[in-house]
Amino acid sequence: MATSESLPSRAWAWKELYLAALLEANDGKISVRIADAERAIVNRARDLFKAPGDNIQEEEAMDDALYALRALKTCLDIHGGFAVAA
């Protein structure tokens, strides 16, 4: 299936979106950033599933990233957003 997005750029896209989600400081944007990063990671995992060769390092990095995103979502859910410093 051909897409307008090349595979090399797609390979890096999940990392950029992951970092954007981790560094987002706006309560109104964080949920969208997390969802975008999760979607990009899943898409990249599908690419790697079809790809030849050993991609274990990137697969492990994606697993770690998904874990961190889920932890971030859980913290935000528990605390109702970012904590405000006094």
N, C-alpha and C. Protein backbone atom coordinates (compact mmCIF):
# COMPACT_ATOMS: atom_id res chain seq x y z
N MET A 1 0.84 -1.17 0.00
CA MET A 1 0.00 0.00 0.00
C MET A 1 0.89 1.24 0.00
N ALA A 2 0.74 2.04 -1.00
CA ALA A 2 1.55 3.24 -1.11
C ALA A 2 0.90 4.39 -0.34
N THR A 3 1.74 5.16 0.31
CA THR A 3 1.25 6.35 1.01
C THR A 3 2.09 7.53 0.56
N SER A 4 1.60 8.71 0.86
CA SER A 4 2.37 9.91 0.51
C SER A 4 3.55 10.09 1.45
N GLU A 5 3.56 9.36 2.52
CA GLU A 5 4.63 9.49 3.50
C GLU A 5 5.67 8.41 3.24
N SER A 6 6.93 8.78 3.08
CA SER A 6 7.97 7.80 2.84
C SER A 6 8.28 7.03 4.11
N LEU A 7 8.78 5.82 3.95
CA LEU A 7 9.08 5.00 5.12
C LEU A 7 10.15 5.60 6.02
N PRO A 8 11.23 6.19 5.48
CA PRO A 8 12.20 6.79 6.41
C PRO A 8 11.60 7.90 7.27
N SER A 9 10.76 8.75 6.69
CA SER A 9 10.17 9.80 7.51
C SER A 9 9.17 9.22 8.50
N ARG A 10 8.47 8.17 8.11
CA ARG A 10 7.51 7.52 9.01
C ARG A 10 8.25 6.83 10.16
N ALA A 11 9.45 6.35 9.88
CA ALA A 11 10.23 5.70 10.93
C ALA A 11 10.59 6.69 12.03
N TRP A 12 10.80 7.94 11.68
CA TRP A 12 11.16 8.95 12.67
C TRP A 12 9.94 9.65 13.25
N ALA A 13 8.82 9.59 12.56
CA ALA A 13 7.63 10.34 12.97
C ALA A 13 7.18 9.97 14.38
N TRP A 14 7.21 8.70 14.72
CA TRP A 14 6.72 8.30 16.04
C TRP A 14 7.58 8.90 17.14
N LYS A 15 8.88 8.99 16.92
CA LYS A 15 9.78 9.52 17.94
C LYS A 15 9.52 11.01 18.17
N GLU A 16 9.33 11.73 17.09
CA GLU A 16 9.06 13.17 17.20
C GLU A 16 7.73 13.42 17.90
N LEU A 17 6.70 12.65 17.54
CA LEU A 17 5.39 12.81 18.17
C LEU A 17 5.42 12.38 19.64
N TYR A 18 6.19 11.37 19.94
CA TYR A 18 6.36 10.90 21.33
C TYR A 18 6.98 12.01 22.18
N LEU A 19 8.06 12.60 21.69
CA LEU A 19 8.71 13.68 22.44
C LEU A 19 7.79 14.89 22.57
N ALA A 20 7.04 15.19 21.52
CA ALA A 20 6.09 16.32 21.58
C ALA A 20 5.05 16.07 22.66
N ALA A 21 4.60 14.84 22.80
CA ALA A 21 3.61 14.51 23.84
C ALA A 21 4.22 14.65 25.23
N LEU A 22 5.44 14.17 25.40
CA LEU A 22 6.08 14.25 26.71
C LEU A 22 6.36 15.69 27.13
N LEU A 23 6.64 16.53 26.16
CA LEU A 23 7.04 17.91 26.46
C LEU A 23 5.88 18.91 26.41
N GLU A 24 4.70 18.45 26.03
CA GLU A 24 3.55 19.35 25.94
C GLU A 24 3.15 19.84 27.33
N ALA A 25 3.03 21.14 27.47
CA ALA A 25 2.69 21.73 28.76
C ALA A 25 1.29 22.31 28.79
N ASN A 26 0.55 22.19 27.71
CA ASN A 26 -0.79 22.75 27.61
C ASN A 26 -1.81 21.65 27.89
N ASP A 27 -2.61 21.83 28.95
CA ASP A 27 -3.63 20.84 29.29
C ASP A 27 -4.59 20.57 28.14
N GLY A 28 -4.86 21.58 27.35
CA GLY A 28 -5.80 21.44 26.25
C GLY A 28 -5.27 20.66 25.07
N LYS A 29 -3.96 20.52 24.97
CA LYS A 29 -3.35 19.85 23.82
C LYS A 29 -2.76 18.48 24.15
N ILE A 30 -2.55 18.19 25.43
CA ILE A 30 -1.82 16.98 25.80
C ILE A 30 -2.50 15.70 25.33
N SER A 31 -3.83 15.63 25.44
CA SER A 31 -4.54 14.41 25.04
C SER A 31 -4.37 14.14 23.55
N VAL A 32 -4.42 15.19 22.75
CA VAL A 32 -4.25 15.04 21.30
C VAL A 32 -2.83 14.61 20.99
N ARG A 33 -1.87 15.21 21.67
CA ARG A 33 -0.46 14.84 21.44
C ARG A 33 -0.21 13.37 21.78
N ILE A 34 -0.77 12.92 22.90
CA ILE A 34 -0.60 11.52 23.30
C ILE A 34 -1.23 10.59 22.27
N ALA A 35 -2.45 10.90 21.85
CA ALA A 35 -3.15 10.07 20.86
C ALA A 35 -2.38 10.02 19.54
N ASP A 36 -1.85 11.15 19.10
CA ASP A 36 -1.07 11.19 17.86
C ASP A 36 0.17 10.31 17.98
N ALA A 37 0.85 10.39 19.12
CA ALA A 37 2.06 9.59 19.32
C ALA A 37 1.72 8.10 19.36
N GLU A 38 0.66 7.74 20.06
CA GLU A 38 0.26 6.32 20.13
C GLU A 38 -0.09 5.79 18.74
N ARG A 39 -0.80 6.58 17.96
CA ARG A 39 -1.18 6.17 16.60
C ARG A 39 0.06 5.97 15.73
N ALA A 40 1.01 6.88 15.83
CA ALA A 40 2.24 6.77 15.04
C ALA A 40 3.05 5.54 15.44
N ILE A 41 3.07 5.24 16.72
CA ILE A 41 3.81 4.05 17.19
C ILE A 41 3.15 2.78 16.66
N VAL A 42 1.84 2.71 16.71
CA VAL A 42 1.13 1.53 16.19
C VAL A 42 1.38 1.38 14.69
N ASN A 43 1.33 2.49 13.95
CA ASN A 43 1.59 2.43 12.51
C ASN A 43 3.00 1.95 12.21
N ARG A 44 3.96 2.44 12.98
CA ARG A 44 5.35 2.01 12.78
C ARG A 44 5.52 0.54 13.14
N ALA A 45 4.84 0.09 14.18
CA ALA A 45 4.91 -1.33 14.56
C ALA A 45 4.39 -2.21 13.43
N ARG A 46 3.34 -1.75 12.77
CA ARG A 46 2.82 -2.51 11.61
C ARG A 46 3.85 -2.56 10.49
N ASP A 47 4.53 -1.44 10.25
CA ASP A 47 5.58 -1.42 9.23
C ASP A 47 6.68 -2.41 9.57
N LEU A 48 7.09 -2.41 10.82
CA LEU A 48 8.19 -3.29 11.23
C LEU A 48 7.78 -4.76 11.20
N PHE A 49 6.50 -5.03 11.42
CA PHE A 49 6.02 -6.41 11.37
C PHE A 49 6.24 -7.00 9.98
N LYS A 50 6.09 -6.17 8.96
CA LYS A 50 6.25 -6.61 7.57
C LYS A 50 7.70 -6.51 7.10
N ALA A 51 8.53 -5.79 7.83
CA ALA A 51 9.90 -5.52 7.39
C ALA A 51 10.82 -6.71 7.66
N PRO A 52 11.74 -6.94 6.74
CA PRO A 52 12.72 -8.00 6.98
C PRO A 52 13.77 -7.54 7.99
N GLY A 53 14.45 -8.48 8.56
CA GLY A 53 15.56 -8.15 9.45
C GLY A 53 15.15 -8.05 10.90
N ASP A 54 16.14 -7.76 11.71
CA ASP A 54 15.97 -7.67 13.15
C ASP A 54 15.76 -6.22 13.54
N ASN A 55 14.59 -5.93 14.07
CA ASN A 55 14.26 -4.56 14.48
C ASN A 55 13.98 -4.49 15.98
N ILE A 56 14.60 -5.37 16.72
CA ILE A 56 14.28 -5.51 18.14
C ILE A 56 14.53 -4.23 18.92
N GLN A 57 15.57 -3.50 18.60
CA GLN A 57 15.87 -2.28 19.36
C GLN A 57 14.77 -1.24 19.19
N GLU A 58 14.32 -1.05 17.97
CA GLU A 58 13.25 -0.08 17.77
C GLU A 58 11.94 -0.58 18.37
N GLU A 59 11.68 -1.88 18.26
CA GLU A 59 10.46 -2.45 18.85
C GLU A 59 10.45 -2.26 20.37
N GLU A 60 11.59 -2.48 21.00
CA GLU A 60 11.68 -2.26 22.44
C GLU A 60 11.51 -0.79 22.79
N ALA A 61 12.08 0.09 21.97
CA ALA A 61 11.94 1.53 22.21
C ALA A 61 10.47 1.94 22.09
N MET A 62 9.76 1.37 21.13
CA MET A 62 8.34 1.67 20.97
C MET A 62 7.53 1.14 22.15
N ASP A 63 7.87 -0.04 22.64
CA ASP A 63 7.20 -0.57 23.83
C ASP A 63 7.40 0.35 25.02
N ASP A 64 8.64 0.81 25.21
CA ASP A 64 8.94 1.73 26.30
C ASP A 64 8.16 3.05 26.14
N ALA A 65 8.09 3.53 24.91
CA ALA A 65 7.38 4.79 24.65
C ALA A 65 5.89 4.64 24.96
N LEU A 66 5.29 3.55 24.53
CA LEU A 66 3.87 3.32 24.83
C LEU A 66 3.63 3.22 26.33
N TYR A 67 4.54 2.57 27.03
CA TYR A 67 4.42 2.46 28.48
C TYR A 67 4.47 3.85 29.12
N ALA A 68 5.40 4.68 28.67
CA ALA A 68 5.54 6.03 29.23
C ALA A 68 4.31 6.88 28.91
N LEU A 69 3.78 6.75 27.70
CA LEU A 69 2.57 7.51 27.34
C LEU A 69 1.38 7.08 28.19
N ARG A 70 1.25 5.79 28.43
CA ARG A 70 0.15 5.31 29.27
C ARG A 70 0.32 5.79 30.72
N ALA A 71 1.54 5.80 31.19
CA ALA A 71 1.80 6.31 32.54
C ALA A 71 1.45 7.79 32.63
N LEU A 72 1.81 8.55 31.61
CA LEU A 72 1.49 9.97 31.58
C LEU A 72 -0.02 10.18 31.57
N LYS A 73 -0.72 9.42 30.75
CA LYS A 73 -2.19 9.53 30.71
C LYS A 73 -2.80 9.20 32.06
N THR A 74 -2.30 8.17 32.71
CA THR A 74 -2.82 7.77 34.02
C THR A 74 -2.60 8.88 35.04
N CYS A 75 -1.42 9.45 35.05
CA CYS A 75 -1.13 10.55 35.99
C CYS A 75 -2.03 11.74 35.74
N LEU A 76 -2.23 12.08 34.48
CA LEU A 76 -3.09 13.21 34.14
C LEU A 76 -4.54 12.92 34.54
N ASP A 77 -4.99 11.68 34.36
CA ASP A 77 -6.35 11.29 34.75
C ASP A 77 -6.53 11.37 36.26
N ILE A 78 -5.55 10.89 37.00
CA ILE A 78 -5.63 10.88 38.46
C ILE A 78 -5.65 12.30 39.02
N HIS A 79 -4.82 13.14 38.45
CA HIS A 79 -4.66 14.50 38.99
C HIS A 79 -5.51 15.54 38.26
N GLY A 80 -6.25 15.11 37.24
CA GLY A 80 -7.11 16.04 36.51
C GLY A 80 -6.34 17.07 35.70
N GLY A 81 -5.17 16.73 35.24
CA GLY A 81 -4.34 17.65 34.46
C GLY A 81 -3.02 17.87 35.14
N PHE A 82 -2.33 18.89 34.72
CA PHE A 82 -1.02 19.18 35.28
C PHE A 82 -1.16 19.78 36.68
N ALA A 83 -0.23 19.45 37.51
CA ALA A 83 -0.19 20.08 38.84
C ALA A 83 0.36 21.49 38.68
N VAL A 84 -0.21 22.41 39.41
CA VAL A 84 0.23 23.80 39.36
C VAL A 84 1.15 24.07 40.53
N ALA A 85 2.32 24.59 40.25
CA ALA A 85 3.28 24.89 41.30
C ALA A 85 2.80 26.11 42.09
N ALA A 86 2.99 26.05 43.39
CA ALA A 86 2.55 27.17 44.25
C ALA A 86 3.59 28.26 44.28
